[in-house]
Structure formats: C-alpha cells, structure tokens
PDB file of N, CA and C in Angstrom:
ATOM      1  N   MET A   1      70.297 -13.596  51.241  1.00  0.00           N
ATOM      2  CA  MET A   1      68.972 -13.620  50.662  1.00  0.00           C
ATOM      3  C   MET A   1      68.187 -12.379  51.118  1.00  0.00           C
ATOM      4  N   LYS A   2      68.285 -12.085  52.419  1.00  0.00           N
ATOM      5  CA  LYS A   2      67.558 -10.940  52.960  1.00  0.00           C
ATOM      6  C   LYS A   2      67.920  -9.660  52.220  1.00  0.00           C
ATOM      7  N   ASN A   3      69.210  -9.436  52.029  1.00  0.00           N
ATOM      8  CA  ASN A   3      69.651  -8.208  51.360  1.00  0.00           C
ATOM      9  C   ASN A   3      69.226  -8.156  49.902  1.00  0.00           C
ATOM     10  N   ALA A   4      69.111  -9.302  49.265  1.00  0.00           N
ATOM     11  CA  ALA A   4      68.739  -9.336  47.856  1.00  0.00           C
ATOM     12  C   ALA A   4      67.292  -8.935  47.618  1.00  0.00           C
ATOM     13  N   VAL A   5      66.411  -9.233  48.563  1.00  0.00           N
ATOM     14  CA  VAL A   5      64.985  -8.954  48.373  1.00  0.00           C
ATOM     15  C   VAL A   5      64.484  -7.804  49.236  1.00  0.00           C
ATOM     16  N   SER A   6      65.350  -7.205  50.000  1.00  0.00           N
ATOM     17  CA  SER A   6      64.950  -6.152  50.924  1.00  0.00           C
ATOM     18  C   SER A   6      65.048  -4.772  50.275  1.00  0.00           C
ATOM     19  N   PHE A   7      64.155  -3.878  50.692  1.00  0.00           N
ATOM     20  CA  PHE A   7      64.216  -2.487  50.249  1.00  0.00           C
ATOM     21  C   PHE A   7      65.003  -1.630  51.230  1.00  0.00           C
ATOM     22  N   LYS A   8      65.449  -2.234  52.308  1.00  0.00           N
ATOM     23  CA  LYS A   8      66.197  -1.528  53.324  1.00  0.00           C
ATOM     24  C   LYS A   8      67.529  -1.046  52.742  1.00  0.00           C
ATOM     25  N   LEU A   9      67.878   0.204  52.982  1.00  0.00           N
ATOM     26  CA  LEU A   9      69.085   0.775  52.403  1.00  0.00           C
ATOM     27  C   LEU A   9      70.326   0.536  53.259  1.00  0.00           C
ATOM     28  N   SER A  10      70.174   0.323  54.561  1.00  0.00           N
ATOM     29  CA  SER A  10      71.333   0.079  55.411  1.00  0.00           C
ATOM     30  C   SER A  10      71.421  -1.411  55.739  1.00  0.00           C
ATOM     31  N   SER A  11      72.638  -1.901  55.832  1.00  0.00           N
ATOM     32  CA  SER A  11      72.802  -3.314  56.147  1.00  0.00           C
ATOM     33  C   SER A  11      72.710  -3.511  57.651  1.00  0.00           C
ATOM     34  N   ASP A  12      72.291  -4.676  58.038  1.00  0.00           N
ATOM     35  CA  ASP A  12      72.216  -5.031  59.445  1.00  0.00           C
ATOM     36  C   ASP A  12      73.221  -6.153  59.677  1.00  0.00           C
ATOM     37  N   THR A  13      74.487  -5.797  59.548  1.00  0.00           N
ATOM     38  CA  THR A  13      75.564  -6.770  59.544  1.00  0.00           C
ATOM     39  C   THR A  13      75.615  -7.582  60.833  1.00  0.00           C
ATOM     40  N   GLY A  14      75.393  -6.936  61.972  1.00  0.00           N
ATOM     41  CA  GLY A  14      75.432  -7.659  63.245  1.00  0.00           C
ATOM     42  C   GLY A  14      74.423  -8.787  63.291  1.00  0.00           C
ATOM     43  N   ARG A  15      73.221  -8.518  62.832  1.00  0.00           N
ATOM     44  CA  ARG A  15      72.168  -9.543  62.823  1.00  0.00           C
ATOM     45  C   ARG A  15      72.502 -10.660  61.829  1.00  0.00           C
ATOM     46  N   LEU A  16      73.090 -10.289  60.704  1.00  0.00           N
ATOM     47  CA  LEU A  16      73.511 -11.295  59.727  1.00  0.00           C
ATOM     48  C   LEU A  16      74.606 -12.190  60.310  1.00  0.00           C
ATOM     49  N   TYR A  17      75.529 -11.598  61.048  1.00  0.00           N
ATOM     50  CA  TYR A  17      76.573 -12.391  61.713  1.00  0.00           C
ATOM     51  C   TYR A  17      75.939 -13.379  62.688  1.00  0.00           C
ATOM     52  N   GLU A  18      74.985 -12.905  63.485  1.00  0.00           N
ATOM     53  CA  GLU A  18      74.305 -13.799  64.433  1.00  0.00           C
ATOM     54  C   GLU A  18      73.622 -14.950  63.695  1.00  0.00           C
ATOM     55  N   ASN A  19      72.964 -14.646  62.591  1.00  0.00           N
ATOM     56  CA  ASN A  19      72.297 -15.688  61.816  1.00  0.00           C
ATOM     57  C   ASN A  19      73.297 -16.708  61.284  1.00  0.00           C
ATOM     58  N   MET A  20      74.447 -16.249  60.814  1.00  0.00           N
ATOM     59  CA  MET A  20      75.454 -17.167  60.295  1.00  0.00           C
ATOM     60  C   MET A  20      75.993 -18.077  61.403  1.00  0.00           C
ATOM     61  N   VAL A  21      76.224 -17.515  62.582  1.00  0.00           N
ATOM     62  CA  VAL A  21      76.697 -18.328  63.706  1.00  0.00           C
ATOM     63  C   VAL A  21      75.624 -19.338  64.101  1.00  0.00           C
ATOM     64  N   PHE A  22      74.378 -18.905  64.167  1.00  0.00           N
ATOM     65  CA  PHE A  22      73.276 -19.799  64.515  1.00  0.00           C
ATOM     66  C   PHE A  22      73.192 -20.972  63.537  1.00  0.00           C
ATOM     67  N   ILE A  23      73.259 -20.664  62.248  1.00  0.00           N
ATOM     68  CA  ILE A  23      73.179 -21.718  61.226  1.00  0.00           C
ATOM     69  C   ILE A  23      74.344 -22.691  61.368  1.00  0.00           C
ATOM     70  N   ARG A  24      75.544 -22.153  61.614  1.00  0.00           N
ATOM     71  CA  ARG A  24      76.713 -23.033  61.761  1.00  0.00           C
ATOM     72  C   ARG A  24      76.570 -23.933  62.990  1.00  0.00           C
ATOM     73  N   LEU A  25      76.072 -23.393  64.089  1.00  0.00           N
ATOM     74  CA  LEU A  25      75.870 -24.208  65.288  1.00  0.00           C
ATOM     75  C   LEU A  25      74.855 -25.318  65.013  1.00  0.00           C
ATOM     76  N   LEU A  26      73.795 -24.996  64.273  1.00  0.00           N
ATOM     77  CA  LEU A  26      72.823 -26.020  63.889  1.00  0.00           C
ATOM     78  C   LEU A  26      73.478 -27.095  63.028  1.00  0.00           C
ATOM     79  N   GLN A  27      74.304 -26.679  62.067  1.00  0.00           N
ATOM     80  CA  GLN A  27      74.996 -27.636  61.198  1.00  0.00           C
ATOM     81  C   GLN A  27      75.892 -28.579  62.004  1.00  0.00           C
ATOM     82  N   LEU A  28      76.447 -28.058  63.089  1.00  0.00           N
ATOM     83  CA  LEU A  28      77.318 -28.862  63.946  1.00  0.00           C
ATOM     84  C   LEU A  28      76.524 -29.741  64.915  1.00  0.00           C
ATOM     85  N   GLY A  29      75.195 -29.632  64.858  1.00  0.00           N
ATOM     86  CA  GLY A  29      74.344 -30.463  65.716  1.00  0.00           C
ATOM     87  C   GLY A  29      74.248 -29.981  67.149  1.00  0.00           C
ATOM     88  N   GLN A  30      74.539 -28.727  67.366  1.00  0.00           N
ATOM     89  CA  GLN A  30      74.504 -28.171  68.720  1.00  0.00           C
ATOM     90  C   GLN A  30      73.071 -27.924  69.195  1.00  0.00           C
ATOM     91  N   GLU A  31      72.853 -28.092  70.471  1.00  0.00           N
ATOM     92  CA  GLU A  31      71.599 -27.705  71.114  1.00  0.00           C
ATOM     93  C   GLU A  31      71.803 -26.256  71.551  1.00  0.00           C
ATOM     94  N   ILE A  32      70.985 -25.332  71.048  1.00  0.00           N
ATOM     95  CA  ILE A  32      71.263 -23.897  71.171  1.00  0.00           C
ATOM     96  C   ILE A  32      70.159 -23.192  71.959  1.00  0.00           C
ATOM     97  N   TYR A  33      70.590 -22.308  72.875  1.00  0.00           N
ATOM     98  CA  TYR A  33      69.654 -21.512  73.669  1.00  0.00           C
ATOM     99  C   TYR A  33      70.154 -20.071  73.746  1.00  0.00           C
ATOM    100  N   TYR A  34      69.251 -19.197  74.140  1.00  0.00           N
ATOM    101  CA  TYR A  34      69.537 -17.786  74.434  1.00  0.00           C
ATOM    102  C   TYR A  34      69.357 -17.641  75.937  1.00  0.00           C
ATOM    103  N   TRP A  35      70.149 -16.779  76.568  1.00  0.00           N
ATOM    104  CA  TRP A  35      70.029 -16.586  78.017  1.00  0.00           C
ATOM    105  C   TRP A  35      70.016 -15.103  78.354  1.00  0.00           C
ATOM    106  N   GLN A  36      69.168 -14.733  79.309  1.00  0.00           N
ATOM    107  CA  GLN A  36      69.129 -13.360  79.821  1.00  0.00           C
ATOM    108  C   GLN A  36      68.787 -13.413  81.296  1.00  0.00           C
ATOM    109  N   ASN A  37      69.464 -12.575  82.097  1.00  0.00           N
ATOM    110  CA  ASN A  37      69.144 -12.519  83.521  1.00  0.00           C
ATOM    111  C   ASN A  37      68.222 -11.342  83.829  1.00  0.00           C
ATOM    112  N   GLN A  38      67.872 -11.191  85.089  1.00  0.00           N
ATOM    113  CA  GLN A  38      66.933 -10.141  85.504  1.00  0.00           C
ATOM    114  C   GLN A  38      67.515  -8.741  85.326  1.00  0.00           C
ATOM    115  N   LYS A  39      68.822  -8.614  85.289  1.00  0.00           N
ATOM    116  CA  LYS A  39      69.461  -7.308  85.110  1.00  0.00           C
ATOM    117  C   LYS A  39      69.595  -6.924  83.638  1.00  0.00           C
ATOM    118  N   GLY A  40      69.157  -7.803  82.739  1.00  0.00           N
ATOM    119  CA  GLY A  40      69.221  -7.514  81.318  1.00  0.00           C
ATOM    120  C   GLY A  40      70.490  -7.971  80.630  1.00  0.00           C
ATOM    121  N   HIS A  41      71.415  -8.585  81.376  1.00  0.00           N
ATOM    122  CA  HIS A  41      72.601  -9.150  80.732  1.00  0.00           C
ATOM    123  C   HIS A  41      72.163 -10.354  79.914  1.00  0.00           C
ATOM    124  N   GLU A  42      72.765 -10.500  78.734  1.00  0.00           N
ATOM    125  CA  GLU A  42      72.351 -11.593  77.869  1.00  0.00           C
ATOM    126  C   GLU A  42      73.534 -12.255  77.204  1.00  0.00           C
ATOM    127  N   VAL A  43      73.314 -13.510  76.816  1.00  0.00           N
ATOM    128  CA  VAL A  43      74.279 -14.278  76.040  1.00  0.00           C
ATOM    129  C   VAL A  43      73.541 -14.734  74.787  1.00  0.00           C
ATOM    130  N   ASP A  44      74.118 -14.439  73.631  1.00  0.00           N
ATOM    131  CA  ASP A  44      73.450 -14.745  72.368  1.00  0.00           C
ATOM    132  C   ASP A  44      73.198 -16.236  72.184  1.00  0.00           C
ATOM    133  N   PHE A  45      74.217 -17.048  72.467  1.00  0.00           N
ATOM    134  CA  PHE A  45      74.089 -18.489  72.266  1.00  0.00           C
ATOM    135  C   PHE A  45      74.693 -19.247  73.440  1.00  0.00           C
ATOM    136  N   VAL A  46      73.894 -20.117  74.018  1.00  0.00           N
ATOM    137  CA  VAL A  46      74.359 -21.059  75.032  1.00  0.00           C
ATOM    138  C   VAL A  46      74.165 -22.434  74.418  1.00  0.00           C
ATOM    139  N   THR A  47      75.265 -23.154  74.244  1.00  0.00           N
ATOM    140  CA  THR A  47      75.136 -24.517  73.740  1.00  0.00           C
ATOM    141  C   THR A  47      75.217 -25.457  74.933  1.00  0.00           C
ATOM    142  N   LYS A  48      74.546 -26.589  74.801  1.00  0.00           N
ATOM    143  CA  LYS A  48      74.594 -27.545  75.894  1.00  0.00           C
ATOM    144  C   LYS A  48      74.498 -28.959  75.371  1.00  0.00           C
ATOM    145  N   LYS A  49      74.952 -29.853  76.192  1.00  0.00           N
ATOM    146  CA  LYS A  49      74.857 -31.280  75.912  1.00  0.00           C
ATOM    147  C   LYS A  49      74.222 -31.904  77.139  1.00  0.00           C
ATOM    148  N   GLY A  50      73.053 -32.490  76.951  1.00  0.00           N
ATOM    149  CA  GLY A  50      72.305 -32.978  78.109  1.00  0.00           C
ATOM    150  C   GLY A  50      71.877 -31.786  78.943  1.00  0.00           C
ATOM    151  N   LEU A  51      72.201 -31.837  80.212  1.00  0.00           N
ATOM    152  CA  LEU A  51      71.855 -30.728  81.099  1.00  0.00           C
ATOM    153  C   LEU A  51      73.006 -29.757  81.318  1.00  0.00           C
ATOM    154  N   GLU A  52      74.160 -30.044  80.727  1.00  0.00           N
ATOM    155  CA  GLU A  52      75.347 -29.229  80.966  1.00  0.00           C
ATOM    156  C   GLU A  52      75.619 -28.244  79.835  1.00  0.00           C
ATOM    157  N   PRO A  53      75.785 -26.953  80.171  1.00  0.00           N
ATOM    158  CA  PRO A  53      76.192 -25.987  79.138  1.00  0.00           C
ATOM    159  C   PRO A  53      77.615 -26.301  78.692  1.00  0.00           C
ATOM    160  N   THR A  54      77.862 -26.159  77.392  1.00  0.00           N
ATOM    161  CA  THR A  54      79.190 -26.459  76.862  1.00  0.00           C
ATOM    162  C   THR A  54      79.930 -25.214  76.377  1.00  0.00           C
ATOM    163  N   GLN A  55      79.181 -24.187  75.949  1.00  0.00           N
ATOM    164  CA  GLN A  55      79.834 -22.988  75.442  1.00  0.00           C
ATOM    165  C   GLN A  55      78.895 -21.793  75.517  1.00  0.00           C
ATOM    166  N   LEU A  56      79.475 -20.628  75.819  1.00  0.00           N
ATOM    167  CA  LEU A  56      78.743 -19.355  75.810  1.00  0.00           C
ATOM    168  C   LEU A  56      79.343 -18.499  74.705  1.00  0.00           C
ATOM    169  N   ILE A  57      78.476 -18.000  73.815  1.00  0.00           N
ATOM    170  CA  ILE A  57      78.961 -17.269  72.643  1.00  0.00           C
ATOM    171  C   ILE A  57      78.203 -15.952  72.486  1.00  0.00           C
ATOM    172  N   GLN A  58      78.955 -14.872  72.373  1.00  0.00           N
ATOM    173  CA  GLN A  58      78.422 -13.576  71.991  1.00  0.00           C
ATOM    174  C   GLN A  58      78.837 -13.326  70.548  1.00  0.00           C
ATOM    175  N   VAL A  59      77.991 -12.646  69.794  1.00  0.00           N
ATOM    176  CA  VAL A  59      78.330 -12.285  68.423  1.00  0.00           C
ATOM    177  C   VAL A  59      78.182 -10.773  68.303  1.00  0.00           C
ATOM    178  N   CYS A  60      79.274 -10.120  67.898  1.00  0.00           N
ATOM    179  CA  CYS A  60      79.260  -8.666  67.753  1.00  0.00           C
ATOM    180  C   CYS A  60      80.175  -8.285  66.595  1.00  0.00           C
ATOM    181  N   TYR A  61      79.598  -7.716  65.565  1.00  0.00           N
ATOM    182  CA  TYR A  61      80.361  -7.354  64.371  1.00  0.00           C
ATOM    183  C   TYR A  61      81.522  -6.426  64.706  1.00  0.00           C
ATOM    184  N   ASP A  62      81.272  -5.396  65.522  1.00  0.00           N
ATOM    185  CA  ASP A  62      82.273  -4.361  65.766  1.00  0.00           C
ATOM    186  C   ASP A  62      82.360  -4.055  67.255  1.00  0.00           C
ATOM    187  N   LEU A  63      83.519  -4.289  67.845  1.00  0.00           N
ATOM    188  CA  LEU A  63      83.739  -4.014  69.270  1.00  0.00           C
ATOM    189  C   LEU A  63      84.537  -2.731  69.500  1.00  0.00           C
ATOM    190  N   SER A  64      84.673  -1.897  68.486  1.00  0.00           N
ATOM    191  CA  SER A  64      85.507  -0.695  68.631  1.00  0.00           C
ATOM    192  C   SER A  64      84.897   0.342  69.576  1.00  0.00           C
ATOM    193  N   ASP A  65      83.582   0.366  69.737  1.00  0.00           N
ATOM    194  CA  ASP A  65      82.929   1.278  70.681  1.00  0.00           C
ATOM    195  C   ASP A  65      83.082   0.694  72.081  1.00  0.00           C
ATOM    196  N   PRO A  66      83.715   1.428  73.006  1.00  0.00           N
ATOM    197  CA  PRO A  66      83.923   0.904  74.359  1.00  0.00           C
ATOM    198  C   PRO A  66      82.627   0.482  75.066  1.00  0.00           C
ATOM    199  N   ASP A  67      81.528   1.193  74.834  1.00  0.00           N
ATOM    200  CA  ASP A  67      80.261   0.823  75.462  1.00  0.00           C
ATOM    201  C   ASP A  67      79.739  -0.509  74.929  1.00  0.00           C
ATOM    202  N   THR A  68      79.899  -0.729  73.639  1.00  0.00           N
ATOM    203  CA  THR A  68      79.482  -1.994  73.033  1.00  0.00           C
ATOM    204  C   THR A  68      80.317  -3.142  73.586  1.00  0.00           C
ATOM    205  N   LYS A  69      81.622  -2.946  73.633  1.00  0.00           N
ATOM    206  CA  LYS A  69      82.516  -3.998  74.140  1.00  0.00           C
ATOM    207  C   LYS A  69      82.188  -4.317  75.594  1.00  0.00           C
ATOM    208  N   LYS A  70      81.946  -3.282  76.392  1.00  0.00           N
ATOM    209  CA  LYS A  70      81.610  -3.482  77.800  1.00  0.00           C
ATOM    210  C   LYS A  70      80.303  -4.272  77.935  1.00  0.00           C
ATOM    211  N   ARG A  71      79.298  -3.931  77.120  1.00  0.00           N
ATOM    212  CA  ARG A  71      78.010  -4.630  77.168  1.00  0.00           C
ATOM    213  C   ARG A  71      78.169  -6.110  76.824  1.00  0.00           C
ATOM    214  N   GLU A  72      78.933  -6.388  75.769  1.00  0.00           N
ATOM    215  CA  GLU A  72      79.131  -7.775  75.343  1.00  0.00           C
ATOM    216  C   GLU A  72      79.892  -8.569  76.401  1.00  0.00           C
ATOM    217  N   ILE A  73      80.943  -7.979  76.950  1.00  0.00           N
ATOM    218  CA  ILE A  73      81.729  -8.663  77.981  1.00  0.00           C
ATOM    219  C   ILE A  73      80.907  -8.862  79.240  1.00  0.00           C
ATOM    220  N   ASN A  74      80.169  -7.847  79.664  1.00  0.00           N
ATOM    221  CA  ASN A  74      79.356  -7.983  80.879  1.00  0.00           C
ATOM    222  C   ASN A  74      78.304  -9.079  80.747  1.00  0.00           C
ATOM    223  N   GLY A  75      77.692  -9.184  79.576  1.00  0.00           N
ATOM    224  CA  GLY A  75      76.731 -10.261  79.350  1.00  0.00           C
ATOM    225  C   GLY A  75      77.391 -11.620  79.444  1.00  0.00           C
ATOM    226  N   LEU A  76      78.555 -11.726  78.825  1.00  0.00           N
ATOM    227  CA  LEU A  76      79.291 -12.983  78.848  1.00  0.00           C
ATOM    228  C   LEU A  76      79.729 -13.345  80.267  1.00  0.00           C
ATOM    229  N   LEU A  77      80.248 -12.369  81.008  1.00  0.00           N
ATOM    230  CA  LEU A  77      80.665 -12.631  82.394  1.00  0.00           C
ATOM    231  C   LEU A  77      79.492 -13.045  83.265  1.00  0.00           C
ATOM    232  N   ALA A  78      78.346 -12.395  83.088  1.00  0.00           N
ATOM    233  CA  ALA A  78      77.154 -12.771  83.854  1.00  0.00           C
ATOM    234  C   ALA A  78      76.735 -14.206  83.523  1.00  0.00           C
ATOM    235  N   GLY A  79      76.805 -14.558  82.245  1.00  0.00           N
ATOM    236  CA  GLY A  79      76.485 -15.921  81.842  1.00  0.00           C
ATOM    237  C   GLY A  79      77.465 -16.928  82.414  1.00  0.00           C
ATOM    238  N   MET A  80      78.756 -16.596  82.397  1.00  0.00           N
ATOM    239  CA  MET A  80      79.766 -17.498  82.945  1.00  0.00           C
ATOM    240  C   MET A  80      79.553 -17.702  84.441  1.00  0.00           C
ATOM    241  N   LYS A  81      79.190 -16.640  85.134  1.00  0.00           N
ATOM    242  CA  LYS A  81      78.914 -16.765  86.563  1.00  0.00           C
ATOM    243  C   LYS A  81      77.681 -17.645  86.785  1.00  0.00           C
ATOM    244  N   ASN A  82      76.619 -17.394  86.024  1.00  0.00           N
ATOM    245  CA  ASN A  82      75.378 -18.146  86.181  1.00  0.00           C
ATOM    246  C   ASN A  82      75.580 -19.642  85.903  1.00  0.00           C
ATOM    247  N   PHE A  83      76.334 -19.959  84.846  1.00  0.00           N
ATOM    248  CA  PHE A  83      76.524 -21.351  84.448  1.00  0.00           C
ATOM    249  C   PHE A  83      77.801 -21.971  85.006  1.00  0.00           C
ATOM    250  N   ARG A  84      78.503 -21.202  85.858  1.00  0.00           N
ATOM    251  CA  ARG A  84      79.741 -21.674  86.474  1.00  0.00           C
ATOM    252  C   ARG A  84      80.757 -22.144  85.424  1.00  0.00           C
ATOM    253  N   MET A  85      80.982 -21.285  84.446  1.00  0.00           N
ATOM    254  CA  MET A  85      81.942 -21.584  83.391  1.00  0.00           C
ATOM    255  C   MET A  85      83.123 -20.628  83.499  1.00  0.00           C
ATOM    256  N   LYS A  86      84.280 -21.090  83.059  1.00  0.00           N
ATOM    257  CA  LYS A  86      85.508 -20.308  83.179  1.00  0.00           C
ATOM    258  C   LYS A  86      85.880 -19.577  81.900  1.00  0.00           C
ATOM    259  N   GLU A  87      85.179 -19.881  80.788  1.00  0.00           N
ATOM    260  CA  GLU A  87      85.564 -19.314  79.501  1.00  0.00           C
ATOM    261  C   GLU A  87      84.334 -18.982  78.667  1.00  0.00           C
ATOM    262  N   GLY A  88      84.439 -17.879  77.912  1.00  0.00           N
ATOM    263  CA  GLY A  88      83.390 -17.489  76.983  1.00  0.00           C
ATOM    264  C   GLY A  88      84.011 -17.000  75.687  1.00  0.00           C
ATOM    265  N   LEU A  89      83.199 -16.922  74.644  1.00  0.00           N
ATOM    266  CA  LEU A  89      83.677 -16.593  73.311  1.00  0.00           C
ATOM    267  C   LEU A  89      82.895 -15.411  72.752  1.00  0.00           C
ATOM    268  N   ILE A  90      83.612 -14.463  72.146  1.00  0.00           N
ATOM    269  CA  ILE A  90      82.990 -13.375  71.407  1.00  0.00           C
ATOM    270  C   ILE A  90      83.460 -13.480  69.960  1.00  0.00           C
ATOM    271  N   ILE A  91      82.500 -13.661  69.044  1.00  0.00           N
ATOM    272  CA  ILE A  91      82.799 -13.739  67.626  1.00  0.00           C
ATOM    273  C   ILE A  91      82.600 -12.352  67.032  1.00  0.00           C
ATOM    274  N   THR A  92      83.637 -11.843  66.339  1.00  0.00           N
ATOM    275  CA  THR A  92      83.632 -10.484  65.801  1.00  0.00           C
ATOM    276  C   THR A  92      83.993 -10.506  64.313  1.00  0.00           C
ATOM    277  N   SER A  93      84.092  -9.333  63.745  1.00  0.00           N
ATOM    278  CA  SER A  93      84.493  -9.255  62.340  1.00  0.00           C
ATOM    279  C   SER A  93      85.995  -9.437  62.165  1.00  0.00           C
ATOM    280  N   ASN A  94      86.792  -8.983  63.146  1.00  0.00           N
ATOM    281  CA  ASN A  94      88.231  -8.987  62.890  1.00  0.00           C
ATOM    282  C   ASN A  94      89.123  -9.146  64.110  1.00  0.00           C
ATOM    283  N   GLU A  95      88.583  -9.307  65.294  1.00  0.00           N
ATOM    284  CA  GLU A  95      89.442  -9.397  66.482  1.00  0.00           C
ATOM    285  C   GLU A  95      89.825 -10.834  66.778  1.00  0.00           C
ATOM    286  N   PHE A  96      91.069 -10.994  67.233  1.00  0.00           N
ATOM    287  CA  PHE A  96      91.566 -12.300  67.621  1.00  0.00           C
ATOM    288  C   PHE A  96      92.417 -12.110  68.859  1.00  0.00           C
ATOM    289  N   GLY A  97      92.163 -12.878  69.902  1.00  0.00           N
ATOM    290  CA  GLY A  97      92.947 -12.772  71.125  1.00  0.00           C
ATOM    291  C   GLY A  97      92.142 -13.235  72.315  1.00  0.00           C
ATOM    292  N   GLU A  98      92.619 -12.873  73.482  1.00  0.00           N
ATOM    293  CA  GLU A  98      91.883 -13.210  74.698  1.00  0.00           C
ATOM    294  C   GLU A  98      92.245 -12.253  75.819  1.00  0.00           C
ATOM    295  N   ASP A  99      91.313 -12.119  76.741  1.00  0.00           N
ATOM    296  CA  ASP A  99      91.495 -11.324  77.953  1.00  0.00           C
ATOM    297  C   ASP A  99      91.144 -12.194  79.141  1.00  0.00           C
ATOM    298  N   GLU A 100      91.787 -11.910  80.263  1.00  0.00           N
ATOM    299  CA  GLU A 100      91.361 -12.512  81.512  1.00  0.00           C
ATOM    300  C   GLU A 100      90.698 -11.403  82.315  1.00  0.00           C
ATOM    301  N   ILE A 101      89.424 -11.608  82.652  1.00  0.00           N
ATOM    302  CA  ILE A 101      88.639 -10.604  83.364  1.00  0.00           C
ATOM    303  C   ILE A 101      87.950 -11.294  84.531  1.00  0.00           C
ATOM    304  N   GLU A 102      88.184 -10.777  85.724  1.00  0.00           N
ATOM    305  CA  GLU A 102      87.576 -11.343  86.935  1.00  0.00           C
ATOM    306  C   GLU A 102      87.840 -12.842  87.039  1.00  0.00           C
ATOM    307  N   GLY A 103      89.031 -13.258  86.642  1.00  0.00           N
ATOM    308  CA  GLY A 103      89.400 -14.672  86.727  1.00  0.00           C
ATOM    309  C   GLY A 103      88.767 -15.552  85.651  1.00  0.00           C
ATOM    310  N   LYS A 104      88.113 -14.937  84.668  1.00  0.00           N
ATOM    311  CA  LYS A 104      87.471 -15.682  83.580  1.00  0.00           C
ATOM    312  C   LYS A 104      88.184 -15.335  82.272  1.00  0.00           C
ATOM    313  N   LYS A 105      88.213 -16.310  81.351  1.00  0.00           N
ATOM    314  CA  LYS A 105      88.845 -16.094  80.052  1.00  0.00           C
ATOM    315  C   LYS A 105      87.779 -15.704  79.021  1.00  0.00           C
ATOM    316  N   VAL A 106      88.009 -14.579  78.357  1.00  0.00           N
ATOM    317  CA  VAL A 106      87.171 -14.129  77.253  1.00  0.00           C
ATOM    318  C   VAL A 106      88.015 -14.219  75.991  1.00  0.00           C
ATOM    319  N   ARG A 107      87.598 -15.082  75.070  1.00  0.00           N
ATOM    320  CA  ARG A 107      88.327 -15.254  73.817  1.00  0.00           C
ATOM    321  C   ARG A 107      87.595 -14.484  72.702  1.00  0.00           C
ATOM    322  N   TYR A 108      88.369 -13.904  71.795  1.00  0.00           N
ATOM    323  CA  TYR A 108      87.843 -13.177  70.646  1.00  0.00           C
ATOM    324  C   TYR A 108      88.305 -13.892  69.384  1.00  0.00           C
ATOM    325  N   VAL A 109      87.388 -14.201  68.494  1.00  0.00           N
ATOM    326  CA  VAL A 109      87.749 -14.819  67.218  1.00  0.00           C
ATOM    327  C   VAL A 109      86.947 -14.144  66.103  1.00  0.00           C
ATOM    328  N   PRO A 110      87.574 -13.975  64.936  1.00  0.00           N
ATOM    329  CA  PRO A 110      86.838 -13.425  63.806  1.00  0.00           C
ATOM    330  C   PRO A 110      85.930 -14.496  63.198  1.00  0.00           C
ATOM    331  N   LEU A 111      84.810 -14.043  62.662  1.00  0.00           N
ATOM    332  CA  LEU A 111      83.859 -14.960  62.038  1.00  0.00           C
ATOM    333  C   LEU A 111      84.526 -15.713  60.910  1.00  0.00           C
TER     334      LEU A 111
END
C-alpha cells in the first residue's frame, strides 16, 4: 500500500520486511517488544509469553555487507545475553542456515 501511494522513488525493502514480520507475529497472537541496550545494540522483535521471552528476531533484507551482518549479529548476541537465551533468529531475503557464535545459535531463514 505504501509503495502504491508514495512519491518516493526508492524502495525501503528492509522496513517493508520488518512490517511484514510484525504483522505475521500479530496474526500469530504473539506479544511483541523491541529491545535496545545502553551500547545501542538492538533486537527488532522480542516475543514473550507471560514474563518469559520466547524468541529474539532480527529482520534484515540483505546481509551481504559484512558491517551490516556484524551489526545484526551483535544486536542479537547482546539480546541473547540479556535475556539468557541460547538461540536467535535473523530473517533475510534469501539466507538459510545457522552459525554458532560465542556458544549461541544464530539461525538464518528467508522471509
């Protein structure tokens, strides 16, 4: 809808991806939060049930830039440390797999 009525010439695909993930989480009945620490590390979506976080999700259209990938992973790792979680998720345009970093699992899935 945004692109149909917008005069903007460049697409903001990353933001659209975040919106799609947010809408899907709402459809699934998830309780959704955003998290950021004092160092500026952030997690796009923290879902929780009651007082317990259930999932940490980053959304990034393109992880091909090493600086972008590092920023997304560092935010996720900081969130996992803060919430004492062993696994986090990065939703991308086309990556599928997982890495183990600092004893934590980072999974990559395409939108």
